[in-house]
Amino acid sequence: GGKARRDIAGIGPAAVDDVGRFRALQGLGLWLGGAGALLLALGAALAPDRAAANLLLAGWALAGAGLAGAFFVALTYVADGTWVVAFRRVPESMTRVLPAAAVALALVFVLRPSLYPWTSEPVGAPGSFSRLWLSTPFFLARAAAYFATWILFAAAIVRNSRRQDADGMTLVSKCRELRGERATPQCVVVTGFGAVEGAVRAMREGALT
């Protein structure tokens, strides 16, 4: 019966129980997500400004969590940290919220741009860089570029990490450019994170300008 099939597959009762608990938590997460979407729709109808502000906050929180996961995995590869192998699935999973963050923030940027005061009152002199930087089209374009870059790099990092499961290597992604070899996504992410941090700060401060 079922026990014989599990024994043949090498899966014990404990592993089966873990799968069942995971699926139960997954189902609970879907229900909570649906309830949150319903409450958001209700809030948008009754108090649109407050709902948009909360959605903006949630979007940035998700973006921060996703970027933190990607940066953590990238940094451990650059530092040749082997201890993280048993733990890396957690930060890798955190990167999956980046598309959700992009959607949440896009809804606010497009449907409720009034949360950013400079969208209604131009900032800076005509023709100045500040006027260009805080113009709505340029703001939307660079926000899209930021998230596209973050999502692509996070996907490359996770895909490269999955190679370890296939070939059994404990470290398949070192900073090879230090030895004159091809740079890996992790190295590019870590060395470019200073510029990315500036982009995040600029977008956040735009809401307070």
Protein backbone atom coordinates (compact mmCIF):
# COMPACT_ATOMS: atom_id res chain seq x y z
CA GLY A 1 0.00 0.00 0.00
CA GLY A 2 0.99 3.58 0.67
CA LYS A 3 3.65 2.58 3.22
CA ALA A 4 5.29 0.20 0.76
CA ARG A 5 5.39 2.88 -1.94
CA ARG A 6 6.96 5.35 0.50
CA ASP A 7 9.57 2.79 1.55
CA ILE A 8 10.45 2.07 -2.08
CA ALA A 9 10.81 5.78 -2.79
CA GLY A 10 12.94 6.23 0.30
CA ILE A 11 10.46 8.62 1.91
CA GLY A 12 9.73 8.01 5.57
CA PRO A 13 6.60 8.95 7.53
CA ALA A 14 8.32 12.03 8.96
CA ALA A 15 8.99 13.40 5.48
CA VAL A 16 5.40 12.78 4.46
CA ASP A 17 4.20 14.64 7.56
CA ASP A 18 6.47 17.57 6.69
CA VAL A 19 4.99 17.74 3.19
CA GLY A 20 1.50 17.72 4.66
CA ARG A 21 2.33 20.55 7.05
CA PHE A 22 3.90 22.56 4.24
CA ARG A 23 0.79 22.17 2.09
CA ALA A 24 -1.41 23.20 5.00
CA LEU A 25 0.67 26.33 5.55
CA GLN A 26 0.63 27.02 1.84
CA GLY A 27 -3.15 26.80 1.80
CA LEU A 28 -3.37 29.08 4.83
CA GLY A 29 -1.12 31.59 3.08
CA LEU A 30 -3.39 31.59 0.02
CA TRP A 31 -6.45 32.19 2.18
CA LEU A 32 -4.73 35.04 4.01
CA GLY A 33 -3.61 36.53 0.72
CA GLY A 34 -7.14 36.40 -0.63
CA ALA A 35 -8.48 38.01 2.53
CA GLY A 36 -5.86 40.75 2.27
CA ALA A 37 -6.79 41.46 -1.36
CA LEU A 38 -10.47 41.67 -0.38
CA LEU A 39 -9.70 44.10 2.46
CA LEU A 40 -7.54 46.18 0.12
CA ALA A 41 -10.37 46.43 -2.40
CA LEU A 42 -12.77 47.42 0.37
CA GLY A 43 -10.33 50.02 1.67
CA ALA A 44 -9.82 51.43 -1.84
CA ALA A 45 -13.57 51.97 -2.10
CA LEU A 46 -14.07 53.50 1.37
CA ALA A 47 -10.77 55.33 2.04
CA PRO A 48 -8.66 55.38 -1.13
CA ASP A 49 -5.91 57.67 0.19
CA ARG A 50 -5.32 55.57 3.29
CA ALA A 51 -5.46 52.32 1.33
CA ALA A 52 -2.94 53.64 -1.21
CA ALA A 53 -0.58 54.77 1.57
CA ASN A 54 -0.74 51.34 3.20
CA LEU A 55 -0.19 49.64 -0.15
CA LEU A 56 2.86 51.85 -0.74
CA LEU A 57 4.24 50.85 2.67
CA ALA A 58 3.57 47.16 2.02
CA GLY A 59 5.16 47.38 -1.42
CA TRP A 60 8.37 48.86 -0.07
CA ALA A 61 8.44 46.31 2.75
CA LEU A 62 8.18 43.47 0.23
CA ALA A 63 10.84 45.04 -1.98
CA GLY A 64 13.17 45.36 1.00
CA ALA A 65 12.65 41.74 2.00
CA GLY A 66 13.23 40.47 -1.54
CA LEU A 67 16.39 42.53 -2.02
CA ALA A 68 17.68 41.49 1.39
CA GLY A 69 17.31 37.84 0.44
CA ALA A 70 19.10 38.32 -2.89
CA PHE A 71 21.90 40.31 -1.32
CA PHE A 72 22.36 37.77 1.48
CA VAL A 73 22.77 34.86 -0.95
CA ALA A 74 25.07 36.89 -3.20
CA LEU A 75 27.22 38.01 -0.29
CA THR A 76 27.67 34.48 1.08
CA TYR A 77 28.87 33.32 -2.34
CA VAL A 78 31.32 36.18 -2.64
CA ALA A 79 32.61 35.44 0.87
CA ASP A 80 32.80 31.68 0.10
CA GLY A 81 30.48 30.97 3.02
CA THR A 82 29.71 27.24 3.09
CA TRP A 83 27.69 27.37 6.30
CA VAL A 84 24.73 28.90 4.48
CA VAL A 85 24.12 25.86 2.25
CA ALA A 86 21.59 24.36 4.68
CA PHE A 87 19.89 27.73 5.17
CA ARG A 88 20.00 29.35 1.75
CA ARG A 89 16.50 28.23 0.72
CA VAL A 90 15.05 30.85 3.09
CA PRO A 91 16.70 33.94 1.52
CA GLU A 92 16.19 32.43 -1.93
CA SER A 93 12.46 32.17 -1.24
CA MET A 94 12.43 35.78 -0.04
CA THR A 95 13.38 36.92 -3.55
CA ARG A 96 10.06 35.61 -4.86
CA VAL A 97 8.21 38.57 -3.38
CA LEU A 98 9.93 41.04 -5.72
CA PRO A 99 7.32 40.70 -8.52
CA ALA A 100 4.53 41.20 -5.97
CA ALA A 101 6.31 44.31 -4.69
CA ALA A 102 6.61 45.61 -8.24
CA VAL A 103 2.88 45.14 -8.84
CA ALA A 104 1.91 46.79 -5.54
CA LEU A 105 4.10 49.81 -6.12
CA ALA A 106 3.05 50.10 -9.77
CA LEU A 107 -0.58 50.33 -8.67
CA VAL A 108 0.30 53.22 -6.36
CA PHE A 109 2.57 55.00 -8.84
CA VAL A 110 0.00 54.84 -11.64
CA LEU A 111 -3.35 55.06 -9.84
CA ARG A 112 -2.45 57.24 -6.84
CA PRO A 113 0.61 59.35 -7.72
CA SER A 114 -0.68 62.16 -5.48
CA LEU A 115 1.12 60.43 -2.56
CA TYR A 116 4.24 61.98 -4.07
CA PRO A 117 3.77 65.76 -3.72
CA TRP A 118 6.02 66.64 -6.66
CA THR A 119 3.62 64.95 -9.10
CA SER A 120 1.21 67.88 -8.73
CA GLU A 121 3.72 70.70 -8.15
CA PRO A 122 6.88 70.61 -10.32
CA VAL A 123 10.15 70.81 -8.38
CA GLY A 124 13.10 72.85 -9.55
CA ALA A 125 13.62 75.35 -12.32
CA PRO A 126 12.52 74.53 -15.87
CA GLY A 127 15.21 72.51 -17.62
CA SER A 128 17.02 71.62 -14.38
CA PHE A 129 18.06 68.09 -13.47
CA SER A 130 15.77 68.03 -10.43
CA ARG A 131 12.79 68.83 -12.67
CA LEU A 132 13.74 65.93 -14.96
CA TRP A 133 14.51 63.55 -12.07
CA LEU A 134 11.15 64.16 -10.40
CA SER A 135 9.08 64.16 -13.55
CA THR A 136 6.43 61.44 -13.58
CA PRO A 137 7.46 59.73 -16.86
CA PHE A 138 11.12 59.54 -15.86
CA PHE A 139 10.20 58.37 -12.36
CA LEU A 140 8.05 55.54 -13.75
CA ALA A 141 10.71 54.58 -16.31
CA ARG A 142 13.50 54.28 -13.78
CA ALA A 143 11.26 52.48 -11.28
CA ALA A 144 10.49 49.89 -13.97
CA ALA A 145 14.20 49.61 -14.80
CA TYR A 146 15.12 49.14 -11.13
CA PHE A 147 12.64 46.34 -10.56
CA ALA A 148 13.40 44.60 -13.85
CA THR A 149 17.10 44.58 -12.93
CA TRP A 150 16.46 43.36 -9.39
CA ILE A 151 14.13 40.57 -10.51
CA LEU A 152 16.50 39.38 -13.26
CA PHE A 153 19.50 39.33 -10.94
CA ALA A 154 17.54 37.56 -8.20
CA ALA A 155 16.37 34.91 -10.69
CA ALA A 156 19.95 34.43 -11.92
CA ILE A 157 21.24 34.05 -8.35
CA VAL A 158 18.60 31.46 -7.44
CA ARG A 159 19.10 29.56 -10.72
CA ASN A 160 22.85 29.46 -10.14
CA SER A 161 22.28 28.25 -6.59
CA ARG A 162 20.05 25.44 -7.82
CA ARG A 163 22.99 24.15 -9.85
CA GLN A 164 24.53 23.03 -6.59
CA ASP A 165 21.71 20.50 -6.15
CA ALA A 166 22.41 19.08 -9.58
CA ASP A 167 26.21 18.81 -9.54
CA GLY A 168 26.80 18.42 -5.80
CA MET A 169 29.28 21.27 -5.61
CA THR A 170 29.27 23.26 -2.39
CA LEU A 171 30.40 26.42 -4.13
CA VAL A 172 29.73 26.96 -7.81
CA SER A 173 29.78 30.74 -7.73
CA LYS A 174 32.88 32.49 -6.50
CA CYS A 175 34.08 35.90 -7.56
CA ARG A 176 35.89 34.48 -10.55
CA GLU A 177 36.88 37.84 -11.92
CA LEU A 178 39.39 37.97 -9.06
CA ARG A 179 41.14 35.12 -10.83
CA GLY A 180 40.61 36.58 -14.29
CA GLU A 181 37.56 34.42 -15.06
CA ARG A 182 33.98 35.30 -15.96
CA ALA A 183 32.06 37.23 -13.32
CA THR A 184 29.01 35.51 -11.83
CA PRO A 185 25.64 37.13 -11.08
CA GLN A 186 26.47 37.15 -7.37
CA CYS A 187 29.62 39.19 -7.91
CA VAL A 188 27.87 41.66 -10.16
CA VAL A 189 25.08 42.08 -7.61
CA VAL A 190 27.40 42.68 -4.67
CA THR A 191 29.73 45.07 -6.48
CA GLY A 192 26.80 47.05 -7.86
CA PHE A 193 24.71 47.21 -4.73
CA GLY A 194 26.01 50.64 -3.81
CA ALA A 195 24.34 52.13 -6.88
CA VAL A 196 21.18 50.12 -6.24
CA GLU A 197 20.99 51.40 -2.67
CA GLY A 198 21.14 54.95 -4.00
CA ALA A 199 18.27 54.19 -6.36
CA VAL A 200 16.11 52.86 -3.53
CA ARG A 201 16.87 55.87 -1.36
CA ALA A 202 16.04 58.27 -4.18
CA MET A 203 12.65 56.63 -4.80
CA ARG A 204 11.81 56.58 -1.09
CA GLU A 205 12.79 60.18 -0.51
CA GLY A 206 10.74 61.22 -3.52
CA ALA A 207 7.61 60.56 -1.47
CA LEU A 208 8.79 63.00 1.18
CA THR A 209 10.07 65.74 -1.09
